[in-house]
PDB file of N, CA and C in Angstrom:
ATOM      1  N   MET A   1       0.644  -1.088  -0.198  1.00  0.00           N
ATOM      2  CA  MET A   1       0.196  -0.005   0.086  1.00  0.00           C
ATOM      3  C   MET A   1       0.831   1.479   0.047  1.00  0.00           C
ATOM      4  N   LYS A   2       0.595   2.306  -0.529  1.00  0.00           N
ATOM      5  CA  LYS A   2       1.346   3.465  -0.932  1.00  0.00           C
ATOM      6  C   LYS A   2       0.928   4.176   0.091  1.00  0.00           C
ATOM      7  N   LYS A   3       1.939   5.158   0.385  1.00  0.00           N
ATOM      8  CA  LYS A   3       1.793   5.903   1.684  1.00  0.00           C
ATOM      9  C   LYS A   3       0.954   7.186   1.548  1.00  0.00           C
ATOM     10  N   LEU A   4       0.449   7.930   2.288  1.00  0.00           N
ATOM     11  CA  LEU A   4      -0.652   9.057   2.276  1.00  0.00           C
ATOM     12  C   LEU A   4       0.553  10.231   1.991  1.00  0.00           C
ATOM     13  N   LYS A   5       0.049  11.309   1.165  1.00  0.00           N
ATOM     14  CA  LYS A   5       0.433  12.643   0.801  1.00  0.00           C
ATOM     15  C   LYS A   5       0.280  13.265   2.085  1.00  0.00           C
ATOM     16  N   ASN A   6       1.047  14.264   2.048  1.00  0.00           N
ATOM     17  CA  ASN A   6       0.871  15.176   2.902  1.00  0.00           C
ATOM     18  C   ASN A   6      -0.304  15.679   2.773  1.00  0.00           C
ATOM     19  N   LEU A   7      -1.060  15.748   4.016  1.00  0.00           N
ATOM     20  CA  LEU A   7      -2.511  16.167   3.702  1.00  0.00           C
ATOM     21  C   LEU A   7      -2.666  17.653   4.173  1.00  0.00           C
ATOM     22  N   SER A   8      -3.240  18.722   3.462  1.00  0.00           N
ATOM     23  CA  SER A   8      -3.550  19.854   3.888  1.00  0.00           C
ATOM     24  C   SER A   8      -4.876  20.065   4.657  1.00  0.00           C
ATOM     25  N   GLN A   9      -5.011  21.245   5.528  1.00  0.00           N
ATOM     26  CA  GLN A   9      -6.619  21.280   6.105  1.00  0.00           C
ATOM     27  C   GLN A   9      -7.477  21.165   5.031  1.00  0.00           C
ATOM     28  N   GLU A  10      -7.228  21.712   3.741  1.00  0.00           N
ATOM     29  CA  GLU A  10      -8.419  21.628   2.781  1.00  0.00           C
ATOM     30  C   GLU A  10      -8.774  20.089   2.345  1.00  0.00           C
ATOM     31  N   ASP A  11      -7.479  19.129   2.127  1.00  0.00           N
ATOM     32  CA  ASP A  11      -7.642  17.792   1.947  1.00  0.00           C
ATOM     33  C   ASP A  11      -8.474  17.340   3.145  1.00  0.00           C
ATOM     34  N   LEU A  12      -8.078  17.664   4.672  1.00  0.00           N
ATOM     35  CA  LEU A  12      -9.121  16.991   5.635  1.00  0.00           C
ATOM     36  C   LEU A  12     -10.408  17.627   5.472  1.00  0.00           C
ATOM     37  N   ASP A  13     -10.689  18.826   5.216  1.00  0.00           N
ATOM     38  CA  ASP A  13     -12.235  19.184   5.088  1.00  0.00           C
ATOM     39  C   ASP A  13     -12.810  18.380   3.918  1.00  0.00           C
ATOM     40  N   ASP A  14     -12.350  18.150   2.983  1.00  0.00           N
ATOM     41  CA  ASP A  14     -12.751  17.444   1.726  1.00  0.00           C
ATOM     42  C   ASP A  14     -13.180  16.201   2.053  1.00  0.00           C
ATOM     43  N   ILE A  15     -12.322  15.325   2.878  1.00  0.00           N
ATOM     44  CA  ILE A  15     -12.431  14.198   3.289  1.00  0.00           C
ATOM     45  C   ILE A  15     -13.692  14.278   4.430  1.00  0.00           C
ATOM     46  N   SER A  16     -13.898  15.181   5.022  1.00  0.00           N
ATOM     47  CA  SER A  16     -14.519  14.863   6.229  1.00  0.00           C
ATOM     48  C   SER A  16     -16.195  15.299   5.583  1.00  0.00           C
ATOM     49  N   GLU A  17     -16.256  16.257   4.663  1.00  0.00           N
ATOM     50  CA  GLU A  17     -17.546  16.491   3.871  1.00  0.00           C
ATOM     51  C   GLU A  17     -17.916  15.079   3.427  1.00  0.00           C
ATOM     52  N   TYR A  18     -17.099  14.623   2.478  1.00  0.00           N
ATOM     53  CA  TYR A  18     -17.183  13.416   1.654  1.00  0.00           C
ATOM     54  C   TYR A  18     -17.447  12.420   2.410  1.00  0.00           C
ATOM     55  N   PHE A  19     -17.109  12.069   3.463  1.00  0.00           N
ATOM     56  CA  PHE A  19     -17.432  11.119   4.357  1.00  0.00           C
ATOM     57  C   PHE A  19     -18.947  11.358   5.175  1.00  0.00           C
ATOM     58  N   SER A  20     -19.099  12.816   5.684  1.00  0.00           N
ATOM     59  CA  SER A  20     -20.367  13.021   6.163  1.00  0.00           C
ATOM     60  C   SER A  20     -21.263  12.359   5.186  1.00  0.00           C
ATOM     61  N   SER A  21     -21.048  12.878   3.784  1.00  0.00           N
ATOM     62  CA  SER A  21     -22.163  13.014   2.828  1.00  0.00           C
ATOM     63  C   SER A  21     -22.540  11.437   2.669  1.00  0.00           C
ATOM     64  N   ILE A  22     -21.532  10.616   2.462  1.00  0.00           N
ATOM     65  CA  ILE A  22     -21.662   9.171   2.234  1.00  0.00           C
ATOM     66  C   ILE A  22     -22.397   8.645   3.458  1.00  0.00           C
ATOM     67  N   VAL A  23     -21.870   8.892   4.552  1.00  0.00           N
ATOM     68  CA  VAL A  23     -22.683   8.329   5.941  1.00  0.00           C
ATOM     69  C   VAL A  23     -24.119   8.367   5.833  1.00  0.00           C
ATOM     70  N   ASN A  24     -24.579   9.529   5.837  1.00  0.00           N
ATOM     71  CA  ASN A  24     -26.036  10.353   5.692  1.00  0.00           C
ATOM     72  C   ASN A  24     -26.587   9.407   4.501  1.00  0.00           C
ATOM     73  N   ASP A  25     -26.130   9.261   3.256  1.00  0.00           N
ATOM     74  CA  ASP A  25     -26.706   8.462   2.310  1.00  0.00           C
ATOM     75  C   ASP A  25     -26.631   6.795   2.791  1.00  0.00           C
ATOM     76  N   SER A  26     -25.662   6.290   3.180  1.00  0.00           N
ATOM     77  CA  SER A  26     -25.789   4.918   3.311  1.00  0.00           C
ATOM     78  C   SER A  26     -26.770   4.478   4.687  1.00  0.00           C
ATOM     79  N   ILE A  27     -26.928   5.726   5.401  1.00  0.00           N
ATOM     80  CA  ILE A  27     -27.890   5.463   6.791  1.00  0.00           C
ATOM     81  C   ILE A  27     -29.254   5.392   6.057  1.00  0.00           C
ATOM     82  N   LEU A  28     -29.723   6.344   5.227  1.00  0.00           N
ATOM     83  CA  LEU A  28     -30.782   6.347   4.701  1.00  0.00           C
ATOM     84  C   LEU A  28     -31.152   5.104   3.870  1.00  0.00           C
ATOM     85  N   TYR A  29     -30.187   4.774   3.060  1.00  0.00           N
ATOM     86  CA  TYR A  29     -30.499   3.698   2.135  1.00  0.00           C
ATOM     87  C   TYR A  29     -30.583   2.171   2.926  1.00  0.00           C
ATOM     88  N   ASN A  30     -30.289   2.260   4.155  1.00  0.00           N
ATOM     89  CA  ASN A  30     -30.237   1.152   5.080  1.00  0.00           C
ATOM     90  C   ASN A  30     -31.252   1.018   5.855  1.00  0.00           C
ATOM     91  N   ILE A  31     -31.829   2.338   6.346  1.00  0.00           N
ATOM     92  CA  ILE A  31     -32.952   2.924   7.213  1.00  0.00           C
ATOM     93  C   ILE A  31     -33.846   3.553   6.436  1.00  0.00           C
ATOM     94  N   PRO A  32     -35.221   3.222   6.285  1.00  0.00           N
ATOM     95  CA  PRO A  32     -36.273   4.295   5.784  1.00  0.00           C
ATOM     96  C   PRO A  32     -36.199   5.481   6.508  1.00  0.00           C
ATOM     97  N   SER A  33     -36.418   6.591   5.594  1.00  0.00           N
ATOM     98  CA  SER A  33     -36.150   8.051   6.300  1.00  0.00           C
ATOM     99  C   SER A  33     -37.614   8.330   7.305  1.00  0.00           C
ATOM    100  N   LYS A  34     -38.553   7.498   6.924  1.00  0.00           N
ATOM    101  CA  LYS A  34     -40.030   7.992   7.324  1.00  0.00           C
ATOM    102  C   LYS A  34     -39.566   7.318   9.012  1.00  0.00           C
ATOM    103  N   GLU A  35     -38.651   6.496   9.129  1.00  0.00           N
ATOM    104  CA  GLU A  35     -38.551   5.656  10.602  1.00  0.00           C
ATOM    105  C   GLU A  35     -37.369   6.510  11.482  1.00  0.00           C
ATOM    106  N   ILE A  36     -36.715   7.485  10.932  1.00  0.00           N
ATOM    107  CA  ILE A  36     -36.000   8.310  11.636  1.00  0.00           C
ATOM    108  C   ILE A  36     -36.330   9.674  11.857  1.00  0.00           C
ATOM    109  N   SER A  37     -36.453   9.709  13.181  1.00  0.00           N
ATOM    110  CA  SER A  37     -36.898  11.050  13.994  1.00  0.00           C
ATOM    111  C   SER A  37     -35.959  12.182  14.038  1.00  0.00           C
ATOM    112  N   ASP A  38     -34.593  11.620  14.593  1.00  0.00           N
ATOM    113  CA  ASP A  38     -33.571  12.544  14.598  1.00  0.00           C
ATOM    114  C   ASP A  38     -32.089  11.884  14.134  1.00  0.00           C
ATOM    115  N   LEU A  39     -31.637  12.607  13.316  1.00  0.00           N
ATOM    116  CA  LEU A  39     -30.044  12.281  12.930  1.00  0.00           C
ATOM    117  C   LEU A  39     -29.002  13.213  13.150  1.00  0.00           C
ATOM    118  N   ASP A  40     -27.978  12.649  13.505  1.00  0.00           N
ATOM    119  CA  ASP A  40     -26.971  13.510  13.975  1.00  0.00           C
ATOM    120  C   ASP A  40     -25.802  13.003  13.733  1.00  0.00           C
ATOM    121  N   VAL A  41     -24.787  13.487  12.718  1.00  0.00           N
ATOM    122  CA  VAL A  41     -23.640  12.618  12.427  1.00  0.00           C
ATOM    123  C   VAL A  41     -22.523  13.901  12.684  1.00  0.00           C
ATOM    124  N   LYS A  42     -21.303  13.023  13.499  1.00  0.00           N
ATOM    125  CA  LYS A  42     -20.421  13.996  13.784  1.00  0.00           C
ATOM    126  C   LYS A  42     -19.161  13.396  13.054  1.00  0.00           C
ATOM    127  N   ILE A  43     -18.207  14.143  12.400  1.00  0.00           N
ATOM    128  CA  ILE A  43     -17.193  13.371  11.853  1.00  0.00           C
ATOM    129  C   ILE A  43     -15.779  14.166  12.385  1.00  0.00           C
ATOM    130  N   GLU A  44     -14.828  13.162  12.816  1.00  0.00           N
ATOM    131  CA  GLU A  44     -13.873  14.219  13.167  1.00  0.00           C
ATOM    132  C   GLU A  44     -12.499  13.562  12.551  1.00  0.00           C
ATOM    133  N   VAL A  45     -11.941  14.478  11.601  1.00  0.00           N
ATOM    134  CA  VAL A  45     -10.736  13.780  10.851  1.00  0.00           C
ATOM    135  C   VAL A  45      -9.299  14.589  11.476  1.00  0.00           C
ATOM    136  N   SER A  46      -8.458  13.953  11.769  1.00  0.00           N
ATOM    137  CA  SER A  46      -7.066  14.236  12.089  1.00  0.00           C
ATOM    138  C   SER A  46      -5.912  13.571  11.224  1.00  0.00           C
ATOM    139  N   TYR A  47      -4.883  14.437  11.066  1.00  0.00           N
ATOM    140  CA  TYR A  47      -3.715  13.819  10.343  1.00  0.00           C
ATOM    141  C   TYR A  47      -2.373  14.374  11.233  1.00  0.00           C
ATOM    142  N   GLU A  48      -1.725  13.468  11.583  1.00  0.00           N
ATOM    143  CA  GLU A  48      -0.714  13.468  12.499  1.00  0.00           C
ATOM    144  C   GLU A  48       0.267  12.510  12.090  1.00  0.00           C
ATOM    145  N   ASN A  49       1.902  13.023  11.962  1.00  0.00           N
ATOM    146  CA  ASN A  49       3.013  12.128  11.762  1.00  0.00           C
ATOM    147  C   ASN A  49       2.811  11.000  10.646  1.00  0.00           C
ATOM    148  N   GLY A  50       1.818  11.426   9.539  1.00  0.00           N
ATOM    149  CA  GLY A  50       1.557  10.634   8.448  1.00  0.00           C
ATOM    150  C   GLY A  50       0.588   9.623   8.304  1.00  0.00           C
ATOM    151  N   LYS A  51      -0.328  10.112   9.729  1.00  0.00           N
ATOM    152  CA  LYS A  51      -1.522   8.976   9.883  1.00  0.00           C
ATOM    153  C   LYS A  51      -2.670   9.639   9.950  1.00  0.00           C
ATOM    154  N   LEU A  52      -3.766   9.244   9.182  1.00  0.00           N
ATOM    155  CA  LEU A  52      -5.132   9.675   9.192  1.00  0.00           C
ATOM    156  C   LEU A  52      -5.932   8.956   9.770  1.00  0.00           C
ATOM    157  N   ASP A  53      -6.524   9.903  10.737  1.00  0.00           N
ATOM    158  CA  ASP A  53      -7.628   9.027  11.632  1.00  0.00           C
ATOM    159  C   ASP A  53      -8.890   9.903  11.344  1.00  0.00           C
ATOM    160  N   VAL A  54      -9.983   8.820  11.017  1.00  0.00           N
ATOM    161  CA  VAL A  54     -11.193   9.721  10.618  1.00  0.00           C
ATOM    162  C   VAL A  54     -12.224   8.949  11.793  1.00  0.00           C
ATOM    163  N   ASP A  55     -12.923   9.418  12.483  1.00  0.00           N
ATOM    164  CA  ASP A  55     -13.937   9.020  13.331  1.00  0.00           C
ATOM    165  C   ASP A  55     -15.035   9.454  13.324  1.00  0.00           C
ATOM    166  N   ILE A  56     -16.095   8.817  13.725  1.00  0.00           N
ATOM    167  CA  ILE A  56     -17.547   9.134  13.404  1.00  0.00           C
ATOM    168  C   ILE A  56     -18.452   8.807  14.489  1.00  0.00           C
ATOM    169  N   ASP A  57     -19.403   9.951  14.934  1.00  0.00           N
ATOM    170  CA  ASP A  57     -20.444   9.563  16.232  1.00  0.00           C
ATOM    171  C   ASP A  57     -21.712   9.671  15.479  1.00  0.00           C
ATOM    172  N   VAL A  58     -22.357   8.653  15.756  1.00  0.00           N
ATOM    173  CA  VAL A  58     -23.751   8.803  14.918  1.00  0.00           C
ATOM    174  C   VAL A  58     -25.074   8.768  16.057  1.00  0.00           C
ATOM    175  N   ASP A  59     -25.448   9.658  16.194  1.00  0.00           N
ATOM    176  CA  ASP A  59     -26.801   9.522  17.285  1.00  0.00           C
ATOM    177  C   ASP A  59     -28.082   9.595  16.267  1.00  0.00           C
ATOM    178  N   ILE A  60     -28.812   8.608  16.474  1.00  0.00           N
ATOM    179  CA  ILE A  60     -29.963   8.805  15.644  1.00  0.00           C
ATOM    180  C   ILE A  60     -31.216   8.264  16.819  1.00  0.00           C
ATOM    181  N   GLU A  61     -32.129   8.836  16.130  1.00  0.00           N
ATOM    182  CA  GLU A  61     -33.726   8.411  17.323  1.00  0.00           C
ATOM    183  C   GLU A  61     -34.645   7.839  16.299  1.00  0.00           C
ATOM    184  N   LEU A  62     -34.812   6.622  16.193  1.00  0.00           N
ATOM    185  CA  LEU A  62     -36.141   5.809  15.497  1.00  0.00           C
ATOM    186  C   LEU A  62     -37.224   6.254  15.869  1.00  0.00           C
ATOM    187  N   ASP A  63     -38.375   6.328  15.000  1.00  0.00           N
ATOM    188  CA  ASP A  63     -39.759   5.983  15.344  1.00  0.00           C
ATOM    189  C   ASP A  63     -39.987   5.162  16.151  1.00  0.00           C
ATOM    190  N   GLU A  64     -40.761   5.263  16.944  1.00  0.00           N
ATOM    191  CA  GLU A  64     -41.295   3.984  17.996  1.00  0.00           C
ATOM    192  C   GLU A  64     -41.706   2.668  17.371  1.00  0.00           C
ATOM    193  N   PHE A  65     -42.169   3.178  16.090  1.00  0.00           N
ATOM    194  CA  PHE A  65     -42.750   1.749  15.340  1.00  0.00           C
ATOM    195  C   PHE A  65     -41.701   1.020  14.517  1.00  0.00           C
ATOM    196  N   SER A  66     -40.760   1.795  14.479  1.00  0.00           N
ATOM    197  CA  SER A  66     -39.381   1.017  13.693  1.00  0.00           C
ATOM    198  C   SER A  66     -39.153  -0.265  13.791  1.00  0.00           C
ATOM    199  N   ASP A  67     -38.862  -0.750  12.895  1.00  0.00           N
ATOM    200  CA  ASP A  67     -38.327  -2.261  13.103  1.00  0.00           C
ATOM    201  C   ASP A  67     -36.939  -2.307  12.824  1.00  0.00           C
ATOM    202  N   ALA A  68     -36.246  -0.954  12.693  1.00  0.00           N
ATOM    203  CA  ALA A  68     -34.751  -1.214  12.359  1.00  0.00           C
ATOM    204  C   ALA A  68     -33.792  -1.516  13.363  1.00  0.00           C
ATOM    205  N   LYS A  69     -32.867  -2.419  13.067  1.00  0.00           N
ATOM    206  CA  LYS A  69     -31.959  -2.913  14.257  1.00  0.00           C
ATOM    207  C   LYS A  69     -30.630  -2.110  14.140  1.00  0.00           C
ATOM    208  N   ASP A  70     -30.187  -2.390  15.369  1.00  0.00           N
ATOM    209  CA  ASP A  70     -28.517  -1.573  15.411  1.00  0.00           C
ATOM    210  C   ASP A  70     -28.073  -2.092  14.281  1.00  0.00           C
ATOM    211  N   GLU A  71     -27.912  -3.325  13.655  1.00  0.00           N
ATOM    212  CA  GLU A  71     -27.074  -3.864  12.636  1.00  0.00           C
ATOM    213  C   GLU A  71     -27.352  -2.968  11.399  1.00  0.00           C
ATOM    214  N   PHE A  72     -28.228  -2.308  11.148  1.00  0.00           N
ATOM    215  CA  PHE A  72     -28.681  -1.863   9.958  1.00  0.00           C
ATOM    216  C   PHE A  72     -27.708  -0.572  10.170  1.00  0.00           C
ATOM    217  N   LEU A  73     -27.615   0.271  11.248  1.00  0.00           N
ATOM    218  CA  LEU A  73     -26.561   1.394  11.261  1.00  0.00           C
ATOM    219  C   LEU A  73     -24.885   0.964  11.203  1.00  0.00           C
ATOM    220  N   GLU A  74     -24.727  -0.206  11.877  1.00  0.00           N
ATOM    221  CA  GLU A  74     -23.371  -0.746  11.652  1.00  0.00           C
ATOM    222  C   GLU A  74     -23.021  -1.011  10.293  1.00  0.00           C
ATOM    223  N   ILE A  75     -23.987  -1.824   9.394  1.00  0.00           N
ATOM    224  CA  ILE A  75     -24.004  -1.847   8.050  1.00  0.00           C
ATOM    225  C   ILE A  75     -23.632  -0.621   7.259  1.00  0.00           C
ATOM    226  N   ALA A  76     -24.346   0.455   7.750  1.00  0.00           N
ATOM    227  CA  ALA A  76     -24.149   1.722   6.577  1.00  0.00           C
ATOM    228  C   ALA A  76     -23.025   2.283   7.169  1.00  0.00           C
ATOM    229  N   ILE A  77     -22.455   2.160   8.279  1.00  0.00           N
ATOM    230  CA  ILE A  77     -21.126   3.028   8.484  1.00  0.00           C
ATOM    231  C   ILE A  77     -19.892   2.015   7.963  1.00  0.00           C
ATOM    232  N   SER A  78     -20.208   0.632   8.246  1.00  0.00           N
ATOM    233  CA  SER A  78     -19.257   0.003   7.447  1.00  0.00           C
ATOM    234  C   SER A  78     -19.017   0.410   5.782  1.00  0.00           C
ATOM    235  N   GLU A  79     -20.196   0.398   5.079  1.00  0.00           N
ATOM    236  CA  GLU A  79     -20.277   0.538   3.914  1.00  0.00           C
ATOM    237  C   GLU A  79     -19.528   1.929   3.588  1.00  0.00           C
ATOM    238  N   ALA A  80     -19.840   2.991   4.599  1.00  0.00           N
ATOM    239  CA  ALA A  80     -19.323   4.308   4.437  1.00  0.00           C
ATOM    240  C   ALA A  80     -17.751   4.492   4.417  1.00  0.00           C
ATOM    241  N   TYR A  81     -17.219   3.448   5.568  1.00  0.00           N
ATOM    242  CA  TYR A  81     -15.736   3.446   5.647  1.00  0.00           C
ATOM    243  C   TYR A  81     -15.243   2.966   4.271  1.00  0.00           C
ATOM    244  N   SER A  82     -15.807   1.706   3.692  1.00  0.00           N
ATOM    245  CA  SER A  82     -15.364   1.009   2.663  1.00  0.00           C
ATOM    246  C   SER A  82     -15.302   2.262   1.494  1.00  0.00           C
ATOM    247  N   LYS A  83     -16.196   3.169   1.185  1.00  0.00           N
ATOM    248  CA  LYS A  83     -16.297   3.873   0.493  1.00  0.00           C
ATOM    249  C   LYS A  83     -14.943   5.126   0.506  1.00  0.00           C
ATOM    250  N   LEU A  84     -14.852   5.388   1.732  1.00  0.00           N
ATOM    251  CA  LEU A  84     -13.956   6.427   2.151  1.00  0.00           C
ATOM    252  C   LEU A  84     -12.566   5.883   1.714  1.00  0.00           C
ATOM    253  N   ASP A  85     -12.369   4.743   1.958  1.00  0.00           N
ATOM    254  CA  ASP A  85     -10.968   4.057   1.783  1.00  0.00           C
ATOM    255  C   ASP A  85     -10.729   4.003   0.221  1.00  0.00           C
ATOM    256  N   ILE A  86     -11.433   3.903  -0.408  1.00  0.00           N
ATOM    257  CA  ILE A  86     -11.622   3.907  -1.816  1.00  0.00           C
ATOM    258  C   ILE A  86     -11.175   5.339  -2.492  1.00  0.00           C
ATOM    259  N   LEU A  87     -12.010   6.676  -1.932  1.00  0.00           N
ATOM    260  CA  LEU A  87     -11.481   7.737  -2.084  1.00  0.00           C
ATOM    261  C   LEU A  87     -10.155   8.114  -1.604  1.00  0.00           C
ATOM    262  N   ILE A  88      -9.695   7.595  -0.564  1.00  0.00           N
ATOM    263  CA  ILE A  88      -8.260   7.965  -0.161  1.00  0.00           C
ATOM    264  C   ILE A  88      -7.199   7.215  -1.216  1.00  0.00           C
ATOM    265  N   ASP A  89      -7.412   5.883  -1.110  1.00  0.00           N
ATOM    266  CA  ASP A  89      -6.358   5.516  -2.254  1.00  0.00           C
ATOM    267  C   ASP A  89      -6.530   5.758  -3.649  1.00  0.00           C
ATOM    268  N   SER A  90      -7.638   6.523  -4.068  1.00  0.00           N
ATOM    269  CA  SER A  90      -7.440   7.155  -5.484  1.00  0.00           C
ATOM    270  C   SER A  90      -7.121   8.564  -5.366  1.00  0.00           C
ATOM    271  N   ASN A  91      -7.107   9.419  -4.352  1.00  0.00           N
ATOM    272  CA  ASN A  91      -6.601  10.455  -4.430  1.00  0.00           C
ATOM    273  C   ASN A  91      -5.712  11.145  -3.475  1.00  0.00           C
ATOM    274  N   TYR A  92      -5.406  10.267  -2.505  1.00  0.00           N
ATOM    275  CA  TYR A  92      -4.129  10.983  -1.201  1.00  0.00           C
ATOM    276  C   TYR A  92      -3.253  10.146  -1.248  1.00  0.00           C
ATOM    277  N   ARG A  93      -2.840   8.988  -2.302  1.00  0.00           N
ATOM    278  CA  ARG A  93      -1.942   8.284  -1.777  1.00  0.00           C
ATOM    279  C   ARG A  93      -0.709   8.397  -3.035  1.00  0.00           C
ATOM    280  N   GLU A  94       0.349   8.573  -2.646  1.00  0.00           N
ATOM    281  CA  GLU A  94       1.677   8.715  -3.361  1.00  0.00           C
ATOM    282  C   GLU A  94       2.083   7.564  -4.367  1.00  0.00           C
TER     283      GLU A  94
END
């Protein structure tokens, strides 16, 4: 695997925005929007000593009649991380 390029703050902002977007899309793909009462996604991206860390915190409130399971959210987040890996490999490696 190639090493990461030196990432600028603009790169980190772009990665954060992209990841936030795909997380939201992936959640809404796996859990019907009509079952979601509230959704808050927080992304924290840091880059130190050549190491990129992307952390996510998802707070979701489901409608009382929702049959969505925690595993749906886990699948959505896993899919989003997979897409993020593709973006990073394609655009941010030397």
